Protein backbone atom coordinates (compact mmCIF):
# COMPACT_ATOMS: atom_id res chain seq x y z
CA MET A 1 -332.44 28.01 81.87
CA LYS A 2 -331.09 28.11 85.42
CA TRP A 3 -329.62 31.34 86.71
CA ASN A 4 -326.90 31.83 89.28
CA THR A 5 -328.52 33.77 92.09
CA VAL A 6 -325.25 35.41 93.10
CA SER A 7 -323.89 36.67 89.79
CA GLY A 8 -327.03 36.68 87.65
CA LEU A 9 -325.20 34.62 85.05
CA PRO A 10 -326.75 31.57 83.45
CA GLY A 11 -325.85 28.17 84.81
CA ARG A 12 -325.98 24.96 82.79
CA PRO A 13 -327.77 21.96 84.28
CA ALA A 14 -325.66 18.89 84.93
CA ARG A 15 -325.23 16.88 81.74
CA SER A 16 -327.63 13.97 81.54
CA PRO A 17 -326.50 10.45 80.68
CA ARG A 18 -325.73 10.11 76.97
CA PRO A 19 -325.40 7.28 74.48
CA LEU A 20 -322.05 5.53 74.37
CA TRP A 21 -320.44 7.95 71.93
CA HIS A 22 -321.12 10.93 74.26
CA ASN A 23 -318.82 9.64 76.96
CA PRO A 24 -315.16 10.74 77.08
CA LEU A 25 -313.03 8.24 75.18
CA ARG A 26 -311.26 6.86 78.24
CA PRO A 27 -309.93 3.32 77.89
CA THR A 28 -310.99 2.34 81.43
CA VAL A 29 -314.63 3.20 80.71
CA VAL A 30 -315.72 2.61 77.14
CA ALA A 31 -312.83 1.35 74.99
CA ALA A 32 -313.95 -2.26 74.95
CA ALA A 33 -317.50 -1.34 73.93
CA ILE A 34 -316.32 1.03 71.18
CA VAL A 35 -313.96 -1.61 69.78
CA ALA A 36 -316.86 -4.04 69.71
CA ILE A 37 -318.94 -1.59 67.66
CA LEU A 38 -316.38 0.17 65.47
CA GLY A 39 -313.41 -2.16 65.45
CA PRO A 40 -309.88 -1.34 66.73
CA PHE A 41 -308.88 2.29 67.01
CA THR A 42 -306.03 4.37 68.37
CA LEU A 43 -306.53 6.39 71.52
CA PHE A 44 -305.20 9.93 71.79
CA ALA A 45 -301.47 9.80 71.12
CA GLY A 46 -300.78 12.62 73.56
CA VAL A 47 -299.74 12.05 77.15
CA ALA A 48 -300.48 8.53 78.34
CA ASN A 49 -301.39 9.75 81.82
CA ALA A 50 -301.79 13.51 81.81
CA GLU A 51 -302.29 13.48 85.58
CA ASP A 52 -298.71 12.24 85.97
CA VAL A 53 -297.23 15.22 84.12
CA SER A 54 -295.94 17.86 86.50
CA ALA A 55 -297.82 21.14 86.69
CA ALA A 56 -296.24 24.57 86.17
CA PRO A 57 -297.79 26.85 88.81
CA SER A 58 -298.62 30.38 87.70
CA PRO A 59 -297.63 33.44 89.81
CA GLY A 60 -301.17 33.49 91.19
CA CYS A 61 -300.47 30.30 93.13
CA ALA A 62 -298.47 32.43 95.58
CA VAL A 63 -301.42 34.72 96.38
CA ALA A 64 -304.34 34.07 98.68
CA ALA A 65 -306.75 31.33 97.60
CA THR A 66 -309.76 32.46 95.55
CA THR A 67 -313.25 31.34 96.51
CA PRO A 68 -314.67 28.81 94.04
CA GLY A 69 -317.72 29.86 92.06
CA ARG A 70 -318.88 32.07 89.19
CA THR A 71 -318.25 35.80 89.00
CA LEU A 72 -318.14 38.57 86.41
CA GLU A 73 -314.71 40.23 86.31
CA HIS A 74 -313.27 43.22 84.43
CA PHE A 75 -309.94 43.59 82.67
CA ALA A 76 -308.26 46.34 80.63
CA ALA A 77 -305.02 46.26 78.62
CA ASP A 78 -303.54 47.45 75.33
CA GLY A 79 -306.15 50.15 74.87
CA ARG A 80 -309.00 47.67 75.28
CA ALA A 81 -311.39 47.14 78.17
CA GLY A 82 -313.62 44.16 78.67
CA SER A 83 -315.13 41.68 81.07
CA TYR A 84 -315.11 37.94 81.51
CA ILE A 85 -317.20 35.30 83.18
CA ARG A 86 -314.90 33.45 85.55
CA ASP A 87 -315.69 29.93 86.76
CA ILE A 88 -313.41 28.52 89.45
CA PRO A 89 -313.77 24.87 90.53
CA ALA A 90 -313.36 23.69 94.08
CA ALA A 91 -310.46 21.45 92.98
CA PRO A 92 -307.03 22.33 94.40
CA GLY A 93 -304.59 24.15 92.13
CA PRO A 94 -302.67 24.57 89.98
CA ARG A 95 -305.71 24.21 87.73
CA PRO A 96 -305.98 24.00 83.93
CA VAL A 97 -307.60 26.99 82.18
CA VAL A 98 -310.04 26.94 79.25
CA LEU A 99 -310.50 30.23 77.40
CA ASP A 100 -313.97 30.05 75.80
CA LEU A 101 -314.43 32.58 72.96
CA HIS A 102 -317.80 33.81 71.68
CA GLY A 103 -318.76 34.26 68.04
CA TYR A 104 -319.89 37.31 66.08
CA LEU A 105 -323.08 38.89 67.52
CA GLU A 106 -322.91 36.35 70.35
CA PRO A 107 -322.39 37.87 73.82
CA ALA A 108 -320.19 36.01 76.25
CA VAL A 109 -323.18 35.01 78.36
CA ILE A 110 -324.65 33.06 75.41
CA ALA A 111 -321.32 31.43 74.55
CA HIS A 112 -320.97 30.45 78.20
CA ALA A 113 -324.39 28.77 78.22
CA SER A 114 -323.92 27.12 74.82
CA SER A 115 -320.58 25.42 75.48
CA GLY A 116 -321.30 24.67 79.13
CA PHE A 117 -317.58 24.77 79.93
CA GLY A 118 -318.17 26.65 83.20
CA ASP A 119 -320.41 23.97 84.69
CA TYR A 120 -318.37 21.15 83.19
CA GLY A 121 -315.17 22.62 84.60
CA ALA A 122 -316.71 22.59 88.07
CA THR A 123 -316.94 18.80 87.83
CA GLN A 124 -313.64 18.26 86.00
CA GLY A 125 -311.46 20.71 87.94
CA PHE A 126 -310.55 23.37 85.36
CA ILE A 127 -310.99 27.14 85.34
CA THR A 128 -313.16 28.62 82.58
CA VAL A 129 -312.74 32.19 81.32
CA THR A 130 -315.38 33.50 78.89
CA PRO A 131 -314.39 37.04 77.76
CA GLN A 132 -316.01 39.88 75.85
CA LEU A 133 -314.67 43.31 74.88
CA ASP A 134 -316.52 46.48 75.85
CA GLU A 135 -316.99 48.39 72.59
CA PRO A 136 -319.82 49.82 70.50
CA GLY A 137 -321.64 47.48 68.18
CA PRO A 138 -322.11 43.73 68.36
CA PRO A 139 -319.68 41.43 70.17
CA ARG A 140 -316.82 40.55 67.84
CA TRP A 141 -313.07 39.92 67.63
CA ASN A 142 -310.31 41.29 65.42
CA PHE A 143 -308.28 38.14 64.82
CA GLU A 144 -305.78 39.71 62.40
CA PRO A 145 -302.04 39.34 63.15
CA GLN A 146 -300.90 41.41 66.13
CA SER A 147 -304.25 43.20 66.48
CA ALA A 148 -305.12 44.97 69.72
CA ASP A 149 -307.69 42.26 70.42
CA MET A 150 -305.03 39.56 70.18
CA HIS A 151 -302.83 41.48 72.59
CA TRP A 152 -305.78 41.98 74.96
CA LEU A 153 -306.46 38.24 75.02
CA ALA A 154 -302.78 37.50 75.61
CA GLY A 155 -302.86 39.99 78.47
CA LEU A 156 -305.99 38.34 79.85
CA ILE A 157 -304.18 35.01 79.99
CA ASP A 158 -301.38 36.73 81.93
CA HIS A 159 -303.95 38.34 84.23
CA VAL A 160 -305.64 35.03 84.97
CA GLY A 161 -302.29 33.44 85.75
CA ALA A 162 -301.40 36.34 88.07
CA THR A 163 -304.67 36.34 90.00
CA LEU A 164 -305.52 32.61 90.12
CA CYS A 165 -303.56 29.44 90.73
CA ALA A 166 -303.34 28.17 87.16
CA ASP A 167 -301.23 25.50 85.50
CA THR A 168 -299.32 27.29 82.74
CA ARG A 169 -298.73 23.95 80.98
CA ARG A 170 -302.48 23.53 80.59
CA ILE A 171 -303.81 26.72 78.99
CA PHE A 172 -306.37 25.81 76.32
CA VAL A 173 -308.55 27.83 73.92
CA ALA A 174 -311.89 26.96 72.32
CA GLY A 175 -314.37 29.06 70.40
CA LEU A 176 -317.35 29.07 68.05
CA SER A 177 -317.52 30.80 64.64
CA MET A 178 -315.56 34.09 64.88
CA GLY A 179 -314.41 32.69 68.21
CA ALA A 180 -313.01 29.75 66.24
CA PHE A 181 -311.22 32.14 63.86
CA THR A 182 -309.76 33.86 66.93
CA THR A 183 -308.86 30.52 68.52
CA SER A 184 -306.93 29.62 65.37
CA SER A 185 -305.20 33.01 65.42
CA LEU A 186 -304.23 32.76 69.09
CA ALA A 187 -302.61 29.39 68.41
CA CYS A 188 -300.40 31.14 65.86
CA HIS A 189 -299.61 34.06 68.16
CA LEU A 190 -299.09 32.08 71.37
CA SER A 191 -298.03 28.60 70.32
CA ASP A 192 -295.43 28.55 73.10
CA ARG A 193 -298.11 29.16 75.74
CA ILE A 194 -301.33 27.59 74.48
CA ALA A 195 -301.26 23.82 74.90
CA ALA A 196 -304.09 22.88 72.48
CA ILE A 197 -307.06 24.44 70.69
CA ALA A 198 -310.64 23.51 69.75
CA PRO A 199 -312.16 25.61 66.93
CA VAL A 200 -315.89 24.88 66.47
CA ALA A 201 -317.60 25.93 63.21
CA GLY A 202 -314.66 28.02 62.04
CA VAL A 203 -311.18 26.43 62.06
CA GLN A 204 -308.76 28.50 59.97
CA ASP A 205 -305.33 27.85 58.48
CA PHE A 206 -304.02 31.39 58.05
CA PRO A 207 -301.31 31.80 55.38
CA TRP A 208 -299.38 34.08 57.72
CA CYS A 209 -299.38 31.60 60.60
CA THR A 210 -296.11 30.34 62.01
CA THR A 211 -295.73 28.44 65.26
CA SER A 212 -292.77 27.75 67.51
CA ARG A 213 -294.11 24.28 68.32
CA PRO A 214 -296.86 21.97 67.06
CA VAL A 215 -300.25 22.91 68.52
CA PRO A 216 -302.71 20.00 68.90
CA VAL A 217 -306.09 20.72 67.26
CA ILE A 218 -309.53 19.19 67.67
CA ALA A 219 -312.05 20.80 65.30
CA PHE A 220 -315.80 20.43 64.73
CA HIS A 221 -317.90 21.55 61.76
CA GLY A 222 -321.28 20.84 60.22
CA THR A 223 -321.25 19.89 56.54
CA ALA A 224 -324.37 22.03 55.92
CA ASP A 225 -323.18 25.08 57.88
CA PRO A 226 -325.01 28.08 56.29
CA ILE A 227 -322.77 30.72 57.93
CA VAL A 228 -319.21 29.38 57.59
CA ALA A 229 -319.34 26.98 54.65
CA TYR A 230 -317.77 23.55 55.05
CA THR A 231 -316.51 23.94 51.48
CA GLY A 232 -314.82 27.26 52.28
CA GLY A 233 -315.70 30.93 52.64
CA SER A 234 -319.03 32.28 53.85
CA GLY A 235 -322.30 30.40 53.56
CA PRO A 236 -325.51 31.87 52.13
CA ASN A 237 -326.89 33.04 55.47
CA ALA A 238 -323.74 34.96 56.39
CA ARG A 239 -325.00 37.94 54.38
CA LEU A 240 -327.94 38.18 56.77
CA LEU A 241 -325.57 39.10 59.59
CA PRO A 242 -325.52 42.87 60.16
CA SER A 243 -322.38 44.97 59.93
CA PRO A 244 -320.99 46.32 63.23
CA ASP A 245 -322.94 49.57 62.88
CA GLY A 246 -326.10 47.80 61.73
CA THR A 247 -326.34 49.59 58.39
CA GLY A 248 -325.46 46.76 56.02
CA SER A 249 -324.18 43.21 55.67
CA SER A 250 -321.27 41.91 57.69
CA VAL A 251 -319.64 40.12 54.73
CA GLY A 252 -318.48 41.00 51.27
CA THR A 253 -318.57 44.48 49.79
CA ASP A 254 -321.45 46.55 51.05
CA ARG A 255 -321.85 50.23 50.18
CA ASN A 256 -324.13 50.81 53.12
CA GLY A 257 -321.71 50.02 55.89
CA PRO A 258 -318.47 48.45 57.10
CA THR A 259 -317.92 44.72 56.97
CA VAL A 260 -316.13 42.33 59.31
CA ASN A 261 -313.42 39.80 58.56
CA GLY A 262 -314.81 36.39 57.71
CA PRO A 263 -313.55 32.90 56.97
CA GLY A 264 -310.83 32.22 54.45
CA PRO A 265 -311.46 30.45 51.14
CA ALA A 266 -310.06 27.06 52.18
CA SER A 267 -312.51 24.29 52.97
CA VAL A 268 -312.73 22.94 56.50
CA PRO A 269 -310.88 19.70 55.62
CA GLU A 270 -308.19 21.76 53.85
CA SER A 271 -307.74 24.01 56.89
CA VAL A 272 -307.43 21.02 59.21
CA ALA A 273 -304.96 19.42 56.81
CA GLY A 274 -302.95 22.64 56.99
CA TRP A 275 -302.64 22.28 60.77
CA ALA A 276 -301.65 18.64 60.29
CA ARG A 277 -298.83 19.68 57.94
CA ARG A 278 -297.74 22.39 60.35
CA ASN A 279 -297.57 19.79 63.13
CA GLY A 280 -295.53 17.35 61.05
CA CYS A 281 -298.34 14.80 60.68
CA GLY A 282 -298.94 12.38 57.83
CA ALA A 283 -301.08 13.50 54.91
CA VAL A 284 -303.84 10.87 55.02
CA PRO A 285 -306.13 10.82 58.06
CA ASP A 286 -307.89 7.79 59.47
CA ARG A 287 -311.64 8.30 58.88
CA GLN A 288 -314.20 6.57 61.09
CA GLN A 289 -317.92 6.94 61.64
CA ILE A 290 -318.27 7.41 65.37
CA ALA A 291 -322.00 8.21 65.48
CA PRO A 292 -324.90 7.91 63.03
CA ASP A 293 -324.28 11.43 61.72
CA VAL A 294 -320.64 12.11 62.68
CA TYR A 295 -317.34 11.17 61.05
CA ARG A 296 -313.98 11.67 62.76
CA GLU A 297 -310.76 12.17 60.82
CA ARG A 298 -307.62 11.62 62.88
CA TYR A 299 -304.23 12.36 61.32
CA PRO A 300 -301.17 10.20 61.97
CA CYS A 301 -299.11 12.63 64.04
CA PRO A 302 -296.04 12.51 66.25
CA ALA A 303 -296.92 11.90 69.90
CA GLY A 304 -298.58 14.89 71.53
CA THR A 305 -299.27 16.82 68.29
CA ASP A 306 -302.63 15.32 67.32
CA VAL A 307 -304.99 16.88 64.78
CA GLU A 308 -308.63 15.76 64.51
CA LEU A 309 -311.78 16.84 62.67
CA TYR A 310 -315.34 15.89 63.62
CA SER A 311 -317.67 16.43 60.64
CA VAL A 312 -321.37 16.50 61.49
CA GLN A 313 -323.32 15.32 58.44
CA GLY A 314 -326.00 17.88 57.67
CA GLY A 315 -325.02 19.86 60.75
CA GLY A 316 -325.27 23.63 60.98
CA HIS A 317 -323.47 26.56 62.59
CA VAL A 318 -323.81 25.39 66.18
CA TRP A 319 -321.98 23.82 69.12
CA PRO A 320 -322.50 20.03 68.81
CA GLY A 321 -324.43 18.69 71.77
CA ASP A 322 -325.78 22.06 72.93
CA THR A 323 -329.36 21.66 74.16
CA VAL A 324 -329.48 24.83 76.26
CA VAL A 325 -329.47 27.76 73.82
CA PRO A 326 -332.36 27.67 71.27
CA PHE A 327 -330.62 29.10 68.20
CA PRO A 328 -333.10 29.45 65.27
CA GLU A 329 -332.62 26.43 63.02
CA VAL A 330 -333.89 28.33 59.98
CA PHE A 331 -330.86 30.61 60.29
CA VAL A 332 -328.03 28.49 61.75
CA GLY A 333 -329.07 25.03 60.58
CA SER A 334 -329.59 21.87 62.60
CA ASN A 335 -327.62 20.57 65.54
CA THR A 336 -326.74 17.06 66.67
CA THR A 337 -327.02 15.32 70.01
CA SER A 338 -325.02 12.33 68.80
CA ILE A 339 -321.86 13.82 70.26
CA ASP A 340 -321.09 16.39 72.94
CA ALA A 341 -318.29 18.68 71.77
CA THR A 342 -317.61 19.98 75.28
CA GLN A 343 -316.84 16.54 76.67
CA LEU A 344 -314.79 15.51 73.64
CA ILE A 345 -312.82 18.77 73.73
CA TRP A 346 -311.98 18.45 77.41
CA ASP A 347 -310.93 14.82 76.95
CA PHE A 348 -308.60 15.97 74.14
CA PHE A 349 -307.28 18.88 76.23
CA GLU A 350 -306.55 16.61 79.18
CA ALA A 351 -304.31 14.49 76.97
CA HIS A 352 -302.37 17.44 75.52
CA PRO A 353 -300.54 19.64 78.03
CA LEU A 354 -297.52 21.64 76.94
CA PRO A 355 -294.44 19.40 76.83
CA GLU A 356 -292.01 19.80 79.68
């Protein structure tokens, strides 16, 4: 693993050339080849040319320019204190922002290396913010309605907009596992501010969720996930996760220690279907095999409200395409290199800014 000599934070090597299905689905690059292999398909029904949509500069655009690069910053609000890895590209502002949320037990530095958003944003021109709260016990999030953690994250988005030149029409959130639960929750809390979300290994359709506008969703999940089961609820290995104080299991009822909130009972396809209903989409998705071990379900949605699910056949509790962080396969299951979630997510985000 490469390390940034200035900040001491890990840097991800440039992504190597991939098979056809790893490339962003841009019509000018690979559409003809994909049609030849898979037959006709529909491109993202979001903004035809996202670059042509006017930006909404944040208050930070009026302050002095910030030097591009990677730093570790600190932020406190709503009775919470934390830090975040901040990656600023050299591209001129206003810039899109990707909030990259870690999972349970997973420090921000590992989430940052696993997703690779920081390095990818340097080439694509978006800001990446990878946060973590400062509190005893393992890294975690309280994703319940109106929790202090939700308010802290909302405040962090405000803080980023006040200190950097961000495009408030292009604020996106992605996360793995508990970070995916929190991503789903933030979309419910801040649907008027978050343009689109990407829950990986943990999309949730909370019964309490209401939104003021449709929030586009691109989700990823392994069908053999042993932590967050594809069929709903916790997988068999979830009980091996320690409670916050380390005295018992993190899930279910445990007399030896406190537990943490886990996934809801709905299956992954059911949760994604819930977002499709919320966005006013049709009930039956188009299902295509886009790689040897990956199926994509794309719902028929009104323009700009797309909902998609990438199901990795036999895949585990991991970020698809991650080759940097060596998570133990015996615990999290297997990963795939047939797709790269980071590239697919950013391609989806690019096509789905907030409507004017």
